[in-house]
Amino acid sequence: MQKTLVFKWTVSRGRDTYGYNICSLWINGQKVASCNGGGYDMQGTCFGDYIEKNYQERLQKLNANYGSNDKRKGFYGLVISKNHKRINKYKSGAIIQLDGACGFDSMRQIAEKIGLKLEYIHGSKSGNIYTLEDLKKWNLHADLTKIILLYFQILTVFQKMLFIY
């Protein structure tokens, strides 16, 4: 199923945060993440928060690269920790977090690796629009078709076996 991601940019009018930039992520009309302030990639932070909340099982299969982006052994922005120590691979009981502030492109690379296809649609001063497609989502129609075809192949093999004996 394809989802529409809308990153909206606004300015806070709150008492303690007046004038702060706000980036909000809306998916299919529902607000799923937001952050405020500046000096970091706010769009990456919102997208990373969404991936972290919704795709934990897939993230467990990835390696972390919590150091420099030059060491291409893992994914920059993916943090795995256990007992307050950073580790490179997921182990039972570990905590997985995404640091989207390191960049939207790093979050896009992680999304692609776990089977999400992100496509840019439109951008303006007030926001950006993307579509997100889950390529690993179970496709009921296609899978049922494969199962039915396999059933008939097995049935044909059994019929041939019965006629041989």
N, C-alpha and C. Protein backbone atom coordinates (compact mmCIF):
# COMPACT_ATOMS: atom_id res chain seq x y z
N MET A 1 0.84 -1.19 0.00
CA MET A 1 0.00 0.00 0.00
C MET A 1 0.88 1.24 0.00
N GLN A 2 0.53 2.17 -0.83
CA GLN A 2 1.31 3.39 -0.94
C GLN A 2 0.77 4.43 0.03
N LYS A 3 1.70 5.10 0.69
CA LYS A 3 1.34 6.15 1.65
C LYS A 3 1.85 7.49 1.14
N THR A 4 1.14 8.55 1.50
CA THR A 4 1.57 9.90 1.15
C THR A 4 2.18 10.55 2.38
N LEU A 5 3.43 10.96 2.26
CA LEU A 5 4.14 11.63 3.35
C LEU A 5 4.20 13.12 3.04
N VAL A 6 3.75 13.92 3.97
CA VAL A 6 3.80 15.37 3.82
C VAL A 6 4.60 15.94 4.99
N PHE A 7 5.71 16.59 4.67
CA PHE A 7 6.50 17.29 5.67
C PHE A 7 6.07 18.75 5.64
N LYS A 8 5.48 19.23 6.75
CA LYS A 8 4.99 20.61 6.82
C LYS A 8 5.94 21.44 7.68
N TRP A 9 6.24 22.65 7.21
CA TRP A 9 7.09 23.58 7.94
C TRP A 9 6.24 24.72 8.46
N THR A 10 6.31 24.93 9.76
CA THR A 10 5.58 26.03 10.39
C THR A 10 6.51 26.70 11.40
N VAL A 11 5.99 27.76 12.05
CA VAL A 11 6.75 28.47 13.07
C VAL A 11 5.93 28.47 14.36
N SER A 12 6.59 28.15 15.46
CA SER A 12 5.92 28.05 16.75
C SER A 12 5.45 29.42 17.24
N ARG A 13 4.29 29.42 17.85
CA ARG A 13 3.75 30.62 18.50
C ARG A 13 3.60 30.37 19.99
N GLY A 14 4.19 29.27 20.48
CA GLY A 14 4.11 28.92 21.90
C GLY A 14 4.91 29.87 22.77
N ARG A 15 4.58 29.92 24.03
CA ARG A 15 5.22 30.86 24.95
C ARG A 15 6.73 30.60 25.07
N ASP A 16 7.11 29.36 25.31
CA ASP A 16 8.53 29.05 25.52
C ASP A 16 9.28 28.75 24.23
N THR A 17 8.55 28.54 23.15
CA THR A 17 9.21 28.17 21.89
C THR A 17 8.88 29.15 20.76
N TYR A 18 8.46 30.34 21.09
CA TYR A 18 8.03 31.31 20.08
C TYR A 18 9.15 31.56 19.06
N GLY A 19 8.80 31.41 17.79
CA GLY A 19 9.74 31.66 16.71
C GLY A 19 10.54 30.44 16.28
N TYR A 20 10.44 29.33 17.00
CA TYR A 20 11.16 28.12 16.61
C TYR A 20 10.53 27.53 15.34
N ASN A 21 11.37 26.98 14.47
CA ASN A 21 10.86 26.24 13.32
C ASN A 21 10.26 24.92 13.80
N ILE A 22 9.20 24.49 13.15
CA ILE A 22 8.57 23.21 13.46
C ILE A 22 8.47 22.42 12.16
N CYS A 23 8.91 21.18 12.20
CA CYS A 23 8.74 20.27 11.08
C CYS A 23 7.83 19.15 11.55
N SER A 24 6.73 18.93 10.83
CA SER A 24 5.77 17.88 11.17
C SER A 24 5.66 16.91 10.00
N LEU A 25 5.57 15.62 10.32
CA LEU A 25 5.37 14.59 9.30
C LEU A 25 3.93 14.10 9.40
N TRP A 26 3.21 14.23 8.30
CA TRP A 26 1.83 13.77 8.20
C TRP A 26 1.79 12.63 7.20
N ILE A 27 1.19 11.51 7.59
CA ILE A 27 1.05 10.37 6.67
C ILE A 27 -0.43 10.08 6.51
N ASN A 28 -0.87 10.17 5.26
CA ASN A 28 -2.28 9.97 4.92
C ASN A 28 -3.20 10.80 5.82
N GLY A 29 -2.81 12.05 6.06
CA GLY A 29 -3.63 12.98 6.83
C GLY A 29 -3.51 12.89 8.34
N GLN A 30 -2.63 12.03 8.84
CA GLN A 30 -2.46 11.87 10.29
C GLN A 30 -1.04 12.29 10.68
N LYS A 31 -0.93 13.13 11.71
CA LYS A 31 0.37 13.57 12.19
C LYS A 31 1.04 12.43 12.95
N VAL A 32 2.25 12.04 12.50
CA VAL A 32 2.94 10.91 13.13
C VAL A 32 4.24 11.30 13.82
N ALA A 33 4.80 12.47 13.49
CA ALA A 33 6.05 12.90 14.12
C ALA A 33 6.22 14.40 13.94
N SER A 34 6.94 15.01 14.87
CA SER A 34 7.28 16.43 14.73
C SER A 34 8.50 16.74 15.58
N CYS A 35 9.17 17.80 15.22
CA CYS A 35 10.31 18.28 16.01
C CYS A 35 10.42 19.78 15.79
N ASN A 36 11.16 20.46 16.69
CA ASN A 36 11.30 21.90 16.54
C ASN A 36 12.72 22.34 16.86
N GLY A 37 13.01 23.57 16.54
CA GLY A 37 14.33 24.13 16.79
C GLY A 37 15.04 24.43 15.49
N GLY A 38 16.25 23.94 15.37
CA GLY A 38 17.05 24.16 14.17
C GLY A 38 18.48 23.72 14.40
N GLY A 39 19.27 23.78 13.35
CA GLY A 39 20.68 23.40 13.46
C GLY A 39 20.91 21.92 13.23
N TYR A 40 19.88 21.21 12.81
CA TYR A 40 20.00 19.79 12.50
C TYR A 40 18.97 19.47 11.42
N ASP A 41 19.02 18.29 10.86
CA ASP A 41 18.09 17.92 9.80
C ASP A 41 16.75 17.51 10.42
N MET A 42 15.83 18.44 10.44
CA MET A 42 14.55 18.20 11.09
C MET A 42 13.67 17.25 10.29
N GLN A 43 13.75 17.33 8.98
CA GLN A 43 12.97 16.42 8.14
C GLN A 43 13.49 14.98 8.32
N GLY A 44 14.79 14.81 8.40
CA GLY A 44 15.39 13.50 8.66
C GLY A 44 14.99 12.96 10.03
N THR A 45 14.89 13.86 11.01
CA THR A 45 14.49 13.46 12.36
C THR A 45 13.06 12.92 12.37
N CYS A 46 12.15 13.62 11.72
CA CYS A 46 10.76 13.16 11.68
C CYS A 46 10.64 11.83 10.93
N PHE A 47 11.32 11.71 9.80
CA PHE A 47 11.25 10.47 9.03
C PHE A 47 11.88 9.32 9.81
N GLY A 48 13.02 9.58 10.46
CA GLY A 48 13.68 8.57 11.28
C GLY A 48 12.80 8.11 12.44
N ASP A 49 12.10 9.04 13.07
CA ASP A 49 11.18 8.68 14.17
C ASP A 49 10.08 7.75 13.67
N TYR A 50 9.56 8.06 12.49
CA TYR A 50 8.50 7.22 11.93
C TYR A 50 9.01 5.80 11.63
N ILE A 51 10.17 5.69 10.99
CA ILE A 51 10.73 4.37 10.68
C ILE A 51 11.02 3.60 11.97
N GLU A 52 11.59 4.28 12.94
CA GLU A 52 11.94 3.63 14.22
C GLU A 52 10.69 3.06 14.90
N LYS A 53 9.60 3.79 14.88
CA LYS A 53 8.37 3.35 15.55
C LYS A 53 7.68 2.20 14.83
N ASN A 54 7.80 2.15 13.50
CA ASN A 54 6.98 1.23 12.72
C ASN A 54 7.72 0.03 12.11
N TYR A 55 9.04 0.03 12.13
CA TYR A 55 9.78 -1.03 11.44
C TYR A 55 10.91 -1.60 12.29
N GLN A 56 10.67 -1.80 13.58
CA GLN A 56 11.71 -2.30 14.50
C GLN A 56 12.26 -3.67 14.06
N GLU A 57 11.38 -4.58 13.68
CA GLU A 57 11.84 -5.93 13.32
C GLU A 57 12.78 -5.90 12.13
N ARG A 58 12.50 -5.07 11.16
CA ARG A 58 13.37 -4.98 9.98
C ARG A 58 14.70 -4.30 10.32
N LEU A 59 14.66 -3.33 11.22
CA LEU A 59 15.88 -2.64 11.61
C LEU A 59 16.85 -3.56 12.36
N GLN A 60 16.33 -4.60 13.00
CA GLN A 60 17.18 -5.53 13.74
C GLN A 60 18.16 -6.27 12.84
N LYS A 61 17.88 -6.34 11.56
CA LYS A 61 18.74 -7.07 10.62
C LYS A 61 19.90 -6.23 10.09
N LEU A 62 19.90 -4.93 10.38
CA LEU A 62 20.93 -4.04 9.86
C LEU A 62 22.09 -3.86 10.84
N ASN A 63 23.24 -3.50 10.31
CA ASN A 63 24.41 -3.17 11.13
C ASN A 63 24.47 -1.66 11.34
N ALA A 64 24.89 -1.27 12.52
CA ALA A 64 25.00 0.15 12.85
C ALA A 64 26.40 0.66 12.50
N ASN A 65 26.48 1.93 12.18
CA ASN A 65 27.74 2.62 12.00
C ASN A 65 27.63 3.90 12.81
N TYR A 66 28.04 3.83 14.06
CA TYR A 66 27.88 5.00 14.92
C TYR A 66 29.09 5.92 14.88
N GLY A 67 30.04 5.60 14.04
CA GLY A 67 31.23 6.45 13.90
C GLY A 67 31.12 7.32 12.67
N SER A 68 32.16 7.40 11.94
CA SER A 68 32.24 8.23 10.75
C SER A 68 31.46 7.61 9.59
N ASN A 69 30.98 8.45 8.71
CA ASN A 69 30.29 7.98 7.51
C ASN A 69 31.29 7.38 6.52
N ASP A 70 32.58 7.56 6.76
CA ASP A 70 33.61 7.02 5.88
C ASP A 70 33.74 5.51 6.02
N LYS A 71 33.44 4.96 7.20
CA LYS A 71 33.49 3.52 7.42
C LYS A 71 32.18 2.93 6.93
N ARG A 72 32.13 2.43 5.75
CA ARG A 72 30.89 1.97 5.16
C ARG A 72 30.51 0.55 5.57
N LYS A 73 30.72 0.19 6.84
CA LYS A 73 30.38 -1.14 7.31
C LYS A 73 28.94 -1.23 7.77
N GLY A 74 28.34 -0.14 8.14
CA GLY A 74 26.97 -0.14 8.64
C GLY A 74 26.24 1.10 8.17
N PHE A 75 25.11 1.36 8.78
CA PHE A 75 24.29 2.50 8.37
C PHE A 75 24.45 3.65 9.35
N TYR A 76 24.88 4.78 8.81
CA TYR A 76 25.06 5.99 9.58
C TYR A 76 23.69 6.48 10.04
N GLY A 77 23.55 6.77 11.31
CA GLY A 77 22.29 7.21 11.88
C GLY A 77 21.53 6.11 12.59
N LEU A 78 21.97 4.85 12.39
CA LEU A 78 21.36 3.72 13.09
C LEU A 78 22.17 3.46 14.35
N VAL A 79 21.51 3.52 15.49
CA VAL A 79 22.18 3.33 16.77
C VAL A 79 21.59 2.10 17.46
N ILE A 80 22.45 1.15 17.80
CA ILE A 80 22.02 -0.04 18.53
C ILE A 80 22.80 -0.04 19.84
N SER A 81 22.07 -0.15 20.95
CA SER A 81 22.75 -0.14 22.24
C SER A 81 22.17 -1.22 23.15
N LYS A 82 23.04 -1.73 24.01
CA LYS A 82 22.64 -2.71 25.00
C LYS A 82 23.42 -2.42 26.27
N ASN A 83 22.71 -2.34 27.37
CA ASN A 83 23.32 -2.01 28.66
C ASN A 83 24.13 -0.72 28.59
N HIS A 84 23.58 0.28 27.92
CA HIS A 84 24.17 1.62 27.78
C HIS A 84 25.48 1.61 27.00
N LYS A 85 25.74 0.58 26.20
CA LYS A 85 26.93 0.52 25.34
C LYS A 85 26.48 0.34 23.91
N ARG A 86 27.13 1.06 23.01
CA ARG A 86 26.80 0.94 21.60
C ARG A 86 27.41 -0.33 21.02
N ILE A 87 26.61 -1.01 20.20
CA ILE A 87 27.07 -2.22 19.53
C ILE A 87 26.73 -2.11 18.04
N ASN A 88 27.39 -2.93 17.22
CA ASN A 88 27.17 -2.85 15.77
C ASN A 88 26.01 -3.71 15.27
N LYS A 89 25.76 -4.84 15.94
CA LYS A 89 24.71 -5.75 15.50
C LYS A 89 23.69 -5.94 16.61
N TYR A 90 22.46 -6.17 16.20
CA TYR A 90 21.38 -6.36 17.16
C TYR A 90 21.56 -7.68 17.92
N LYS A 91 21.36 -7.62 19.22
CA LYS A 91 21.33 -8.79 20.10
C LYS A 91 20.06 -8.69 20.92
N SER A 92 19.57 -9.80 21.40
CA SER A 92 18.35 -9.82 22.19
C SER A 92 18.45 -8.82 23.35
N GLY A 93 17.44 -8.01 23.51
CA GLY A 93 17.41 -7.03 24.58
C GLY A 93 18.02 -5.70 24.21
N ALA A 94 18.56 -5.58 23.02
CA ALA A 94 19.17 -4.31 22.59
C ALA A 94 18.08 -3.31 22.20
N ILE A 95 18.45 -2.05 22.18
CA ILE A 95 17.55 -0.97 21.81
C ILE A 95 18.03 -0.39 20.48
N ILE A 96 17.11 -0.25 19.55
CA ILE A 96 17.43 0.32 18.24
C ILE A 96 16.82 1.71 18.15
N GLN A 97 17.66 2.68 17.75
CA GLN A 97 17.19 4.04 17.57
C GLN A 97 17.74 4.58 16.25
N LEU A 98 16.99 5.50 15.66
CA LEU A 98 17.45 6.18 14.45
C LEU A 98 17.69 7.64 14.78
N ASP A 99 18.87 8.12 14.43
CA ASP A 99 19.22 9.52 14.64
C ASP A 99 19.07 10.25 13.31
N GLY A 100 17.84 10.66 13.04
CA GLY A 100 17.55 11.32 11.78
C GLY A 100 18.20 12.68 11.64
N ALA A 101 18.66 13.26 12.75
CA ALA A 101 19.31 14.57 12.70
C ALA A 101 20.59 14.53 11.89
N CYS A 102 21.13 13.33 11.67
CA CYS A 102 22.37 13.21 10.89
C CYS A 102 22.12 13.39 9.40
N GLY A 103 20.86 13.34 8.98
CA GLY A 103 20.56 13.61 7.58
C GLY A 103 19.42 12.79 7.02
N PHE A 104 18.62 13.45 6.20
CA PHE A 104 17.48 12.78 5.56
C PHE A 104 17.97 11.68 4.62
N ASP A 105 19.09 11.91 3.95
CA ASP A 105 19.61 10.91 3.02
C ASP A 105 20.01 9.62 3.74
N SER A 106 20.55 9.73 4.94
CA SER A 106 20.89 8.53 5.71
C SER A 106 19.63 7.75 6.06
N MET A 107 18.55 8.45 6.39
CA MET A 107 17.29 7.78 6.71
C MET A 107 16.69 7.14 5.45
N ARG A 108 16.88 7.81 4.32
CA ARG A 108 16.40 7.25 3.04
C ARG A 108 17.14 5.95 2.73
N GLN A 109 18.44 5.92 2.95
CA GLN A 109 19.22 4.70 2.69
C GLN A 109 18.77 3.56 3.58
N ILE A 110 18.50 3.85 4.84
CA ILE A 110 18.01 2.82 5.76
C ILE A 110 16.63 2.34 5.31
N ALA A 111 15.77 3.26 4.92
CA ALA A 111 14.42 2.90 4.46
C ALA A 111 14.50 1.98 3.24
N GLU A 112 15.37 2.31 2.30
CA GLU A 112 15.51 1.47 1.11
C GLU A 112 16.01 0.08 1.45
N LYS A 113 16.94 0.01 2.40
CA LYS A 113 17.50 -1.29 2.78
C LYS A 113 16.46 -2.19 3.45
N ILE A 114 15.51 -1.62 4.17
CA ILE A 114 14.51 -2.44 4.84
C ILE A 114 13.26 -2.64 3.97
N GLY A 115 13.32 -2.23 2.71
CA GLY A 115 12.24 -2.53 1.77
C GLY A 115 11.21 -1.44 1.57
N LEU A 116 11.57 -0.20 1.86
CA LEU A 116 10.66 0.92 1.64
C LEU A 116 11.16 1.73 0.45
N LYS A 117 10.24 2.10 -0.42
CA LYS A 117 10.60 2.92 -1.59
C LYS A 117 10.03 4.31 -1.38
N LEU A 118 10.92 5.29 -1.29
CA LEU A 118 10.54 6.68 -1.07
C LEU A 118 10.71 7.46 -2.37
N GLU A 119 9.66 8.15 -2.79
CA GLU A 119 9.72 8.89 -4.04
C GLU A 119 9.28 10.34 -3.82
N TYR A 120 10.12 11.26 -4.26
CA TYR A 120 9.84 12.70 -4.12
C TYR A 120 8.77 13.09 -5.13
N ILE A 121 7.76 13.84 -4.67
CA ILE A 121 6.67 14.27 -5.54
C ILE A 121 6.72 15.78 -5.79
N HIS A 122 6.76 16.56 -4.71
CA HIS A 122 6.68 18.02 -4.84
C HIS A 122 7.26 18.69 -3.61
N GLY A 123 7.83 19.85 -3.80
CA GLY A 123 8.36 20.61 -2.68
C GLY A 123 8.08 22.09 -2.83
N SER A 124 7.91 22.75 -1.70
CA SER A 124 7.72 24.19 -1.68
C SER A 124 8.30 24.73 -0.39
N LYS A 125 8.16 26.02 -0.17
CA LYS A 125 8.68 26.64 1.03
C LYS A 125 7.99 26.13 2.29
N SER A 126 6.74 25.72 2.17
CA SER A 126 5.98 25.29 3.34
C SER A 126 6.01 23.78 3.57
N GLY A 127 6.64 23.01 2.65
CA GLY A 127 6.71 21.57 2.89
C GLY A 127 7.12 20.76 1.67
N ASN A 128 7.27 19.47 1.89
CA ASN A 128 7.65 18.53 0.84
C ASN A 128 6.69 17.35 0.87
N ILE A 129 6.43 16.78 -0.31
CA ILE A 129 5.54 15.65 -0.42
C ILE A 129 6.30 14.47 -1.05
N TYR A 130 6.16 13.31 -0.43
CA TYR A 130 6.76 12.07 -0.91
C TYR A 130 5.69 10.99 -0.92
N THR A 131 5.96 9.93 -1.67
CA THR A 131 5.16 8.71 -1.53
C THR A 131 6.08 7.64 -0.96
N LEU A 132 5.50 6.79 -0.13
CA LEU A 132 6.25 5.71 0.51
C LEU A 132 5.53 4.40 0.20
N GLU A 133 6.27 3.47 -0.39
CA GLU A 133 5.69 2.18 -0.72
C GLU A 133 6.47 1.09 -0.01
N ASP A 134 5.76 0.19 0.64
CA ASP A 134 6.38 -0.93 1.34
C ASP A 134 6.50 -2.09 0.37
N LEU A 135 7.71 -2.33 -0.11
CA LEU A 135 7.93 -3.38 -1.10
C LEU A 135 7.90 -4.77 -0.49
N LYS A 136 8.06 -4.89 0.83
CA LYS A 136 8.07 -6.19 1.48
C LYS A 136 6.72 -6.55 2.10
N LYS A 137 5.75 -5.70 1.94
CA LYS A 137 4.43 -5.96 2.51
C LYS A 137 3.84 -7.18 1.82
N TRP A 138 3.17 -7.99 2.58
CA TRP A 138 2.57 -9.20 2.05
C TRP A 138 1.48 -8.84 1.06
N ASN A 139 1.63 -9.28 -0.18
CA ASN A 139 0.65 -9.02 -1.22
C ASN A 139 -0.28 -10.22 -1.29
N LEU A 140 -1.46 -10.10 -0.72
CA LEU A 140 -2.39 -11.21 -0.58
C LEU A 140 -2.76 -11.81 -1.94
N HIS A 141 -3.09 -10.98 -2.90
CA HIS A 141 -3.51 -11.49 -4.21
C HIS A 141 -2.38 -12.26 -4.90
N ALA A 142 -1.19 -11.67 -4.95
CA ALA A 142 -0.07 -12.33 -5.61
C ALA A 142 0.33 -13.61 -4.89
N ASP A 143 0.34 -13.59 -3.56
CA ASP A 143 0.72 -14.77 -2.80
C ASP A 143 -0.31 -15.89 -2.95
N LEU A 144 -1.59 -15.55 -2.95
CA LEU A 144 -2.62 -16.58 -3.14
C LEU A 144 -2.53 -17.19 -4.53
N THR A 145 -2.23 -16.38 -5.51
CA THR A 145 -2.06 -16.90 -6.87
C THR A 145 -0.92 -17.90 -6.91
N LYS A 146 0.19 -17.59 -6.27
CA LYS A 146 1.33 -18.51 -6.22
C LYS A 146 0.97 -19.80 -5.51
N ILE A 147 0.24 -19.69 -4.42
CA ILE A 147 -0.16 -20.87 -3.65
C ILE A 147 -1.08 -21.77 -4.48
N ILE A 148 -2.02 -21.18 -5.19
CA ILE A 148 -2.94 -21.96 -6.02
C ILE A 148 -2.18 -22.66 -7.14
N LEU A 149 -1.26 -21.94 -7.78
CA LEU A 149 -0.45 -22.57 -8.84
C LEU A 149 0.38 -23.72 -8.30
N LEU A 150 0.97 -23.53 -7.13
CA LEU A 150 1.76 -24.59 -6.51
C LEU A 150 0.87 -25.79 -6.16
N TYR A 151 -0.32 -25.53 -5.69
CA TYR A 151 -1.26 -26.61 -5.37
C TYR A 151 -1.55 -27.45 -6.61
N PHE A 152 -1.82 -26.80 -7.73
CA PHE A 152 -2.13 -27.54 -8.96
C PHE A 152 -0.90 -28.29 -9.49
N GLN A 153 0.27 -27.74 -9.31
CA GLN A 153 1.48 -28.46 -9.72
C GLN A 153 1.66 -29.72 -8.88
N ILE A 154 1.45 -29.61 -7.58
CA ILE A 154 1.58 -30.77 -6.69
C ILE A 154 0.50 -31.80 -7.02
N LEU A 155 -0.71 -31.33 -7.28
CA LEU A 155 -1.81 -32.22 -7.64
C LEU A 155 -1.50 -32.99 -8.93
N THR A 156 -0.93 -32.30 -9.90
CA THR A 156 -0.55 -32.94 -11.16
C THR A 156 0.50 -34.01 -10.93
N VAL A 157 1.48 -33.71 -10.11
CA VAL A 157 2.54 -34.68 -9.81
C VAL A 157 1.95 -35.92 -9.14
N PHE A 158 1.02 -35.75 -8.19
CA PHE A 158 0.39 -36.89 -7.51
C PHE A 158 -0.45 -37.72 -8.49
N GLN A 159 -1.14 -37.05 -9.40
CA GLN A 159 -1.94 -37.78 -10.39
C GLN A 159 -1.04 -38.64 -11.27
N LYS A 160 0.11 -38.07 -11.68
CA LYS A 160 1.04 -38.84 -12.51
C LYS A 160 1.59 -40.02 -11.73
N MET A 161 1.87 -39.82 -10.44
CA MET A 161 2.39 -40.92 -9.61
C MET A 161 1.37 -42.04 -9.48
N LEU A 162 0.11 -41.70 -9.36
CA LEU A 162 -0.94 -42.71 -9.22
C LEU A 162 -1.09 -43.55 -10.49
N PHE A 163 -0.92 -42.92 -11.64
CA PHE A 163 -1.06 -43.65 -12.91
C PHE A 163 0.16 -44.51 -13.20
N ILE A 164 1.31 -44.17 -12.63
CA ILE A 164 2.52 -44.97 -12.85
C ILE A 164 2.40 -46.30 -12.13
N TYR A 165 1.86 -46.32 -10.93
CA TYR A 165 1.79 -47.56 -10.15
C TYR A 165 0.51 -48.21 -10.45
